Amino acid sequence: MSEQNHEQSARDPEQGVDPVAETESGMTPETSGAGEETGETLPDAAALAEELALEKDKNLRLYAEFDNYRRRTAKESFEMMATANAKLVEKMCEVLENFGRAFEAQGTGSPEDFEKGVRLIYGRFKEILDAEGLEEIDPVGTEFDPNLHDALLQQASDTVPENHVVQVISKGYKLKTKILKHAKVIVSTGP
C-alpha cells in the first residue's frame, strides 16, 4: 500500500503525469504522441536537405541578379558621365565652325567686318554658356569673400573702403551653385 501512495504522490494530481517517467524518457506525453495523435509526421532529413538546397539556390540566384544589376548600373552611369556634355559640345561645334569661317574670310573683307564677325561669335558663345547656367563673378566694389575671390594684392584706396575689392584681375565663374573659378582681385586696405 505504501508503494501505491508513493506512486500517487509522485504523480502530478492535476495532469496525472509521472515526473520520474518524464525525465527518464526526455519527452512529455504531450510531445511524444503529438504527431501520432494529429496524423502529422516529423519531416525527414531528405526533405529538409532538399528544402535547404532550394533555399541556397534561391540565395545564389538573388546574389547573381544583384551583382548583374550592380555591374549594369555602374556601366550605365559611366556611359552617362562620358556623354553628359554631348549637347553642350554639339553647341560648341557651331561656335568652332563660325571661328573657322571667320578666319577663312579674314583676308577677303575689311578689318571692321572681321571684328564684327568675331563679336557675333563671342555673343553666341556667351549665349550658349549662359543657357547652361554659367554666371560671371564680378565683385568690383563688393566686400572681399574668400569663398568667391582670390586676393592677389592689397592696395590703399581713398574711394574704396577697407576689405573691399578695388580691381578684378581675372573674372570668376560659377555654374549654378558651384564655383568653377575664383575671381582674382586686388583688395583695398583703406585710405
Foldseek 3Di string as FASTA:
>chain_A
DVVVVVQVVQADVPPRWRVVVCVVVVHGPCVVCVCVVVVHDDDDPVVVVVVVVVVVVVVVVVVVVVVVVVVVVVVVVVVCVVCVCVVVVVQVVVLVVLVVVLVVCVVVDDPVVSVVSVVVSVVSNVVSLVVQQKDKDDFALHADDPVAADEPEEDADAPHAFRGFHDWPAIWMARNPRTPGHTYTYTYRYD
